[in-house]
Amino acid sequence: MIMRTETRSLKNFVLSASKQLSAKVESVLNPIYTPGDTTPLIRRIKERIAAVVRKQPYAAQRDAVCALMQGYAHGARCLGLVAEMGCGKTLHSVLSAVSMELVTGHPIRTLVLCPPHLVSTWKEEIEESLGKAALVINASGPNALSLLIRLRSDARIPDKPEFWLISFNRAKTNYSWKSSFFKQTKLSSLVQGTGSAGRHLYKTELCEHCSEKLPDDMDWSGAIRNRCPSCGNPLWGPSDKGSHVYAPVLYIKKYLNRHFHLAVFDEVQKLKGGSTIQGALMGQIASAFPRSLVPEPLMPITCCNEGLPSTTAKRNAAVCFQPIRISWTLLKVTDQ
């Protein structure tokens, strides 16, 4: 007996068995959205995207957005969008924020937490896709907390979609500062002819790093941040007093959780885990916000769960969108 063997790539094997895999996934996962659905919500979402978005998505990208909206409409709080690099996860997130108006009944304000080098990428993507139909606020600068304090007095519901961009590093760090140096008390030198009564105590400022005497004319009013002329060491440090001791994320959670309607956590797979400061802060935001979205590259979802340690974060695994157009959980498997 002669047996013939055939070697095929994984992609070709999956595509050849797409119907069987599709039936199996449907029976196991029970998807709540299938490409081609014509429910009233899905129709309105597609019309909304066509009317507002200047950079029209591909059909598969639009299906992923519809799947996410269907998930939120069914009561999900935290969903994950898993896609290969280059599939347009940023565009997916932007379209989801725009389409969320059809779920909530009003335009929403979105908080985007991302690595520092991606803040400009998000800004460009939003402006290219939506133009003047949305407002973009870069809250990653030194005035981040000032912008958030000003937002507290604004309306909770914006007139049009708003995107607030803040980097991971900026979100966790903010404090008022104060001058920091050593003060040394000395006894003045004896002046000839005055006796010991002419001597007095005085204080002089020393650098904390090199112990060199600091200039007498140095400004300690707090208007500028001084450095030691000898070694360059900063002569300032964090203060636990004043009204600006909040990290921006903690301020948002305490005072602005009703001003924001969606949190997007980008590139959380690069974080070290939920026990880190960044992971803990994002977990607090996810628990305080009504809805969250986690766009992720194609890798085990456990990385995402570590980045968001809350119990709601473990309900991610919403959509897995691969280049061969096999999508899981909310998006039915299709070979079209």
Protein backbone atom coordinates (compact mmCIF):
# COMPACT_ATOMS: atom_id res chain seq x y z
CA MET A 1 0.00 0.00 0.00
CA ILE A 2 1.33 3.40 -0.96
CA MET A 3 0.40 6.34 1.27
CA ARG A 4 0.65 9.83 -0.02
CA THR A 5 1.46 12.69 2.30
CA GLU A 6 0.85 16.34 1.64
CA THR A 7 2.45 19.24 3.41
CA ARG A 8 0.34 22.36 3.82
CA SER A 9 0.85 25.60 5.66
CA LEU A 10 -1.23 26.29 8.74
CA LYS A 11 -3.01 29.10 6.94
CA ASN A 12 -4.07 26.85 4.05
CA PHE A 13 -5.17 24.13 6.46
CA VAL A 14 -7.31 26.54 8.49
CA LEU A 15 -8.87 28.08 5.38
CA SER A 16 -9.68 24.67 3.93
CA ALA A 17 -11.46 23.70 7.16
CA SER A 18 -13.10 27.07 7.75
CA LYS A 19 -16.67 25.75 7.65
CA GLN A 20 -15.99 23.02 10.19
CA LEU A 21 -14.09 25.42 12.46
CA SER A 22 -16.84 28.00 12.12
CA ALA A 23 -19.51 25.52 13.17
CA LYS A 24 -17.40 24.34 16.11
CA VAL A 25 -16.71 27.86 17.35
CA GLU A 26 -20.38 28.81 17.07
CA SER A 27 -21.46 25.78 19.08
CA VAL A 28 -18.86 26.34 21.81
CA LEU A 29 -18.66 30.12 22.12
CA ASN A 30 -22.18 31.16 21.14
CA PRO A 31 -21.20 34.47 19.47
CA ILE A 32 -23.53 37.43 19.93
CA TYR A 33 -22.51 39.07 16.66
CA THR A 34 -22.09 37.62 13.17
CA PRO A 35 -20.85 39.62 10.17
CA GLY A 36 -23.86 40.50 8.09
CA ASP A 37 -26.24 41.04 11.01
CA THR A 38 -28.82 43.72 10.24
CA THR A 39 -30.17 44.59 13.67
CA PRO A 40 -31.20 48.25 14.17
CA LEU A 41 -28.14 48.95 16.36
CA ILE A 42 -25.71 47.49 13.79
CA ARG A 43 -27.31 49.48 10.98
CA ARG A 44 -27.03 52.72 12.95
CA ILE A 45 -23.39 52.00 13.80
CA LYS A 46 -22.47 51.49 10.15
CA GLU A 47 -24.36 54.64 9.15
CA ARG A 48 -22.65 56.59 11.92
CA ILE A 49 -19.20 55.46 10.80
CA ALA A 50 -19.97 56.27 7.16
CA ALA A 51 -21.23 59.75 8.05
CA VAL A 52 -18.59 60.89 10.53
CA VAL A 53 -15.34 59.09 9.75
CA ARG A 54 -13.18 60.55 6.99
CA LYS A 55 -10.89 57.50 6.92
CA GLN A 56 -13.34 54.73 6.12
CA PRO A 57 -12.41 51.31 7.57
CA TYR A 58 -12.36 47.98 5.78
CA ALA A 59 -15.39 45.77 6.10
CA ALA A 60 -13.62 43.42 8.54
CA GLN A 61 -12.59 46.39 10.72
CA ARG A 62 -16.16 47.66 10.74
CA ASP A 63 -17.36 44.21 11.78
CA ALA A 64 -14.96 44.21 14.72
CA VAL A 65 -16.31 47.59 15.87
CA CYS A 66 -19.89 46.33 15.55
CA ALA A 67 -18.94 43.28 17.64
CA LEU A 68 -17.53 45.47 20.38
CA MET A 69 -20.62 47.69 20.42
CA GLN A 70 -22.81 44.61 20.61
CA GLY A 71 -20.79 43.47 23.61
CA TYR A 72 -21.20 46.81 25.40
CA ALA A 73 -24.90 46.85 24.54
CA HIS A 74 -25.20 43.45 26.27
CA GLY A 75 -23.77 44.91 29.47
CA ALA A 76 -20.03 44.14 29.21
CA ARG A 77 -17.80 46.59 31.09
CA CYS A 78 -14.34 45.60 29.89
CA LEU A 79 -13.62 44.18 26.43
CA GLY A 80 -10.37 43.28 24.71
CA LEU A 81 -9.57 43.72 21.04
CA VAL A 82 -6.77 41.35 20.01
CA ALA A 83 -5.25 41.90 16.58
CA GLU A 84 -2.03 41.46 14.68
CA MET A 85 0.26 44.45 14.31
CA GLY A 86 -0.92 46.56 11.39
CA CYS A 87 -4.60 45.58 11.61
CA GLY A 88 -5.53 49.05 12.88
CA LYS A 89 -6.16 48.64 16.61
CA THR A 90 -5.92 52.41 17.11
CA LEU A 91 -8.50 53.01 14.39
CA HIS A 92 -10.72 50.31 15.91
CA SER A 93 -10.59 52.10 19.26
CA VAL A 94 -11.35 55.49 17.71
CA LEU A 95 -14.33 54.10 15.80
CA SER A 96 -15.58 52.36 18.95
CA ALA A 97 -15.51 55.63 20.89
CA VAL A 98 -17.44 57.38 18.11
CA SER A 99 -19.97 54.55 17.83
CA MET A 100 -20.47 54.41 21.61
CA GLU A 101 -22.83 57.38 21.25
CA LEU A 102 -25.42 54.96 19.85
CA VAL A 103 -25.13 52.80 22.99
CA THR A 104 -25.10 55.58 25.59
CA GLY A 105 -27.40 57.99 23.76
CA HIS A 106 -24.93 60.90 23.85
CA PRO A 107 -21.35 61.75 22.77
CA ILE A 108 -18.73 60.35 25.12
CA ARG A 109 -15.45 61.50 26.59
CA THR A 110 -12.69 58.89 26.20
CA LEU A 111 -9.53 58.57 28.28
CA VAL A 112 -6.63 56.98 26.39
CA LEU A 113 -3.72 55.64 28.45
CA CYS A 114 -0.74 54.67 26.30
CA PRO A 115 3.09 54.64 26.28
CA PRO A 116 4.68 58.10 25.95
CA HIS A 117 5.91 57.54 22.39
CA LEU A 118 2.39 56.70 21.17
CA VAL A 119 0.64 59.87 22.34
CA SER A 120 1.45 61.68 19.09
CA THR A 121 0.40 58.60 17.09
CA TRP A 122 -3.01 58.59 18.74
CA LYS A 123 -3.42 62.32 18.15
CA GLU A 124 -2.57 62.01 14.46
CA GLU A 125 -4.86 58.99 13.98
CA ILE A 126 -7.84 60.73 15.59
CA GLU A 127 -7.35 63.95 13.64
CA GLU A 128 -6.88 62.08 10.38
CA SER A 129 -9.96 59.93 10.92
CA LEU A 130 -12.40 62.41 12.44
CA GLY A 131 -11.05 65.89 11.68
CA LYS A 132 -13.09 68.57 13.46
CA ALA A 133 -15.81 66.07 14.40
CA ALA A 134 -13.86 65.28 17.60
CA LEU A 135 -11.81 67.16 20.16
CA VAL A 136 -8.34 65.90 21.12
CA ILE A 137 -6.67 67.00 24.37
CA ASN A 138 -3.05 66.08 25.06
CA ALA A 139 -2.86 65.73 28.84
CA SER A 140 0.67 64.34 28.92
CA GLY A 141 2.38 67.67 29.50
CA PRO A 142 3.27 69.47 32.74
CA ASN A 143 -0.21 71.08 32.77
CA ALA A 144 -2.04 67.72 32.92
CA LEU A 145 -3.50 68.24 36.37
CA SER A 146 -4.50 71.83 35.55
CA LEU A 147 -6.47 70.59 32.54
CA LEU A 148 -8.22 67.96 34.65
CA ILE A 149 -9.08 70.46 37.38
CA ARG A 150 -10.60 72.73 34.73
CA LEU A 151 -12.59 69.80 33.32
CA ARG A 152 -14.18 69.23 36.72
CA SER A 153 -16.25 72.40 36.28
CA ASP A 154 -17.27 71.54 32.69
CA ALA A 155 -20.33 69.61 31.59
CA ARG A 156 -20.22 65.87 32.16
CA ILE A 157 -21.51 65.18 28.65
CA PRO A 158 -19.48 66.78 25.81
CA ASP A 159 -21.01 68.34 22.70
CA LYS A 160 -18.94 66.04 20.47
CA PRO A 161 -16.62 63.08 21.04
CA GLU A 162 -13.58 64.00 23.15
CA PHE A 163 -10.30 62.09 23.46
CA TRP A 164 -8.00 62.79 26.39
CA LEU A 165 -4.52 61.38 25.80
CA ILE A 166 -2.18 60.72 28.72
CA SER A 167 0.92 58.55 28.89
CA PHE A 168 1.45 55.82 31.48
CA ASN A 169 4.35 57.67 33.07
CA ARG A 170 2.53 60.99 33.27
CA ALA A 171 -0.61 59.39 34.64
CA LYS A 172 1.10 58.11 37.78
CA THR A 173 3.47 60.99 38.57
CA ASN A 174 2.53 64.43 39.75
CA TYR A 175 3.30 66.34 42.90
CA SER A 176 3.88 69.83 44.19
CA TRP A 177 7.53 70.55 44.94
CA LYS A 178 9.58 72.42 47.50
CA SER A 179 13.17 73.54 47.92
CA SER A 180 15.42 70.89 49.43
CA PHE A 181 18.79 71.58 51.06
CA PHE A 182 20.65 71.32 54.37
CA LYS A 183 20.60 74.16 56.86
CA GLN A 184 23.65 74.46 59.06
CA THR A 185 23.75 76.68 62.13
CA LYS A 186 27.06 78.39 62.77
CA LEU A 187 28.50 80.86 65.28
CA SER A 188 29.81 84.03 63.74
CA SER A 189 33.49 84.91 64.04
CA LEU A 190 34.72 87.07 66.88
CA VAL A 191 35.01 90.72 65.86
CA GLN A 192 38.00 92.46 67.42
CA GLY A 193 37.06 94.90 70.18
CA THR A 194 33.47 93.65 70.61
CA GLY A 195 34.09 90.71 72.95
CA SER A 196 32.05 87.56 72.99
CA ALA A 197 28.80 89.55 73.08
CA GLY A 198 29.36 90.49 69.43
CA ARG A 199 29.11 86.89 68.25
CA HIS A 200 25.76 85.52 67.02
CA LEU A 201 24.23 82.40 65.46
CA TYR A 202 23.40 82.31 61.77
CA LYS A 203 22.24 79.68 59.27
CA THR A 204 23.77 78.77 55.96
CA GLU A 205 22.43 76.54 53.18
CA LEU A 206 24.40 73.48 52.05
CA CYS A 207 23.90 71.12 49.13
CA GLU A 208 22.52 67.74 50.23
CA HIS A 209 24.81 65.92 47.78
CA CYS A 210 28.23 67.57 48.00
CA SER A 211 27.79 69.62 51.23
CA GLU A 212 29.15 72.73 49.53
CA LYS A 213 27.89 76.11 50.71
CA LEU A 214 25.20 77.53 48.44
CA PRO A 215 25.29 81.16 47.26
CA ASP A 216 23.67 83.69 49.57
CA ASP A 217 21.80 85.32 46.69
CA MET A 218 20.07 82.09 45.55
CA ASP A 219 16.32 82.46 45.12
CA TRP A 220 14.40 80.22 47.55
CA SER A 221 10.98 81.75 46.88
CA GLY A 222 9.84 78.70 44.90
CA ALA A 223 9.59 80.49 41.58
CA ILE A 224 12.40 78.42 40.04
CA ARG A 225 13.96 75.02 40.64
CA ASN A 226 17.57 75.55 41.64
CA ARG A 227 20.56 73.29 41.18
CA CYS A 228 23.83 73.21 43.09
CA PRO A 229 26.48 75.31 41.28
CA SER A 230 29.19 72.85 42.36
CA CYS A 231 27.75 69.40 41.54
CA GLY A 232 24.51 70.16 39.66
CA ASN A 233 22.34 68.26 42.15
CA PRO A 234 18.64 69.34 42.12
CA LEU A 235 17.83 71.49 45.15
CA TRP A 236 14.15 70.58 45.14
CA GLY A 237 11.98 67.55 45.85
CA PRO A 238 8.36 66.39 46.24
CA SER A 239 6.13 68.01 48.79
CA ASP A 240 3.23 66.39 50.63
CA LYS A 241 1.47 69.71 51.06
CA GLY A 242 -0.66 71.82 48.75
CA SER A 243 -3.52 71.09 46.35
CA HIS A 244 -1.47 69.53 43.55
CA VAL A 245 -0.38 66.30 45.18
CA TYR A 246 -2.66 64.05 43.08
CA ALA A 247 -1.42 61.74 40.41
CA PRO A 248 -3.66 62.54 37.40
CA VAL A 249 -5.18 59.05 37.35
CA LEU A 250 -6.14 59.27 41.04
CA TYR A 251 -7.65 62.70 40.47
CA ILE A 252 -9.70 61.30 37.58
CA LYS A 253 -10.92 58.41 39.68
CA LYS A 254 -11.94 60.61 42.60
CA TYR A 255 -13.46 63.60 40.83
CA LEU A 256 -13.95 62.83 37.11
CA ASN A 257 -15.20 59.26 36.91
CA ARG A 258 -18.57 60.57 35.68
CA HIS A 259 -16.98 62.90 33.15
CA PHE A 260 -15.34 60.00 31.29
CA HIS A 261 -17.36 57.21 29.72
CA LEU A 262 -14.70 54.97 28.18
CA ALA A 263 -11.10 54.10 29.10
CA VAL A 264 -8.72 52.73 26.45
CA PHE A 265 -5.58 50.97 27.71
CA ASP A 266 -3.08 50.67 24.88
CA GLU A 267 0.00 48.40 24.88
CA VAL A 268 -0.61 47.08 28.41
CA GLN A 269 1.19 43.86 27.48
CA LYS A 270 4.46 45.78 27.98
CA LEU A 271 3.74 46.40 31.64
CA LYS A 272 5.30 44.12 34.23
CA GLY A 273 2.10 43.18 36.03
CA GLY A 274 -0.78 44.21 38.23
CA SER A 275 1.45 44.64 41.28
CA THR A 276 3.24 47.62 39.70
CA ILE A 277 2.13 51.21 40.23
CA GLN A 278 0.99 51.53 36.62
CA GLY A 279 -0.94 48.28 36.75
CA ALA A 280 -2.63 49.24 40.02
CA LEU A 281 -3.62 52.67 38.70
CA MET A 282 -5.12 51.20 35.55
CA GLY A 283 -7.00 48.65 37.59
CA GLN A 284 -8.53 51.49 39.61
CA ILE A 285 -9.55 53.32 36.45
CA ALA A 286 -11.09 50.14 35.00
CA SER A 287 -13.13 49.64 38.16
CA ALA A 288 -14.27 53.30 38.28
CA PHE A 289 -15.20 53.75 34.60
CA PRO A 290 -18.44 52.38 33.15
CA ARG A 291 -16.61 50.81 30.18
CA SER A 292 -13.03 49.90 29.22
CA LEU A 293 -11.33 48.72 26.05
CA VAL A 294 -7.98 46.93 25.80
CA PRO A 295 -6.48 46.76 22.28
CA GLU A 296 -3.80 44.06 22.29
CA PRO A 297 -1.40 42.42 19.82
CA LEU A 298 -1.92 38.74 19.09
CA MET A 299 -0.49 37.04 22.18
CA PRO A 300 -1.79 35.23 25.28
CA ILE A 301 -4.46 37.27 27.00
CA THR A 302 -2.82 36.61 30.39
CA CYS A 303 -0.47 39.52 29.76
CA CYS A 304 -3.49 41.77 29.51
CA ASN A 305 -4.96 40.35 32.68
CA GLU A 306 -1.74 41.04 34.55
CA GLY A 307 -1.77 44.65 33.38
CA LEU A 308 -5.33 45.08 34.68
CA PRO A 309 -5.58 43.15 37.95
CA SER A 310 -9.26 43.86 38.62
CA THR A 311 -11.84 41.12 38.27
CA THR A 312 -13.56 42.97 35.47
CA ALA A 313 -10.33 42.90 33.47
CA LYS A 314 -10.41 39.12 33.44
CA ARG A 315 -13.53 39.32 31.32
CA ASN A 316 -11.51 40.62 28.37
CA ALA A 317 -11.13 38.11 25.50
CA ALA A 318 -13.83 39.88 23.51
CA VAL A 319 -12.53 39.82 19.96
CA CYS A 320 -9.52 38.07 18.44
CA PHE A 321 -9.01 39.39 14.94
CA GLN A 322 -6.34 37.68 12.83
CA PRO A 323 -5.06 38.48 9.31
CA ILE A 324 -6.70 35.32 7.96
CA ARG A 325 -9.97 36.74 9.25
CA ILE A 326 -10.69 34.17 11.89
CA SER A 327 -12.30 36.00 14.78
CA TRP A 328 -13.37 34.57 18.11
CA THR A 329 -15.91 35.08 20.86
CA LEU A 330 -17.91 38.09 19.71
CA LEU A 331 -17.01 37.94 16.05
CA LYS A 332 -18.08 34.80 14.26
CA VAL A 333 -15.44 32.85 12.31
CA THR A 334 -15.64 33.65 8.62
CA ASP A 335 -13.60 32.86 5.55
CA GLN A 336 -15.01 35.73 3.48
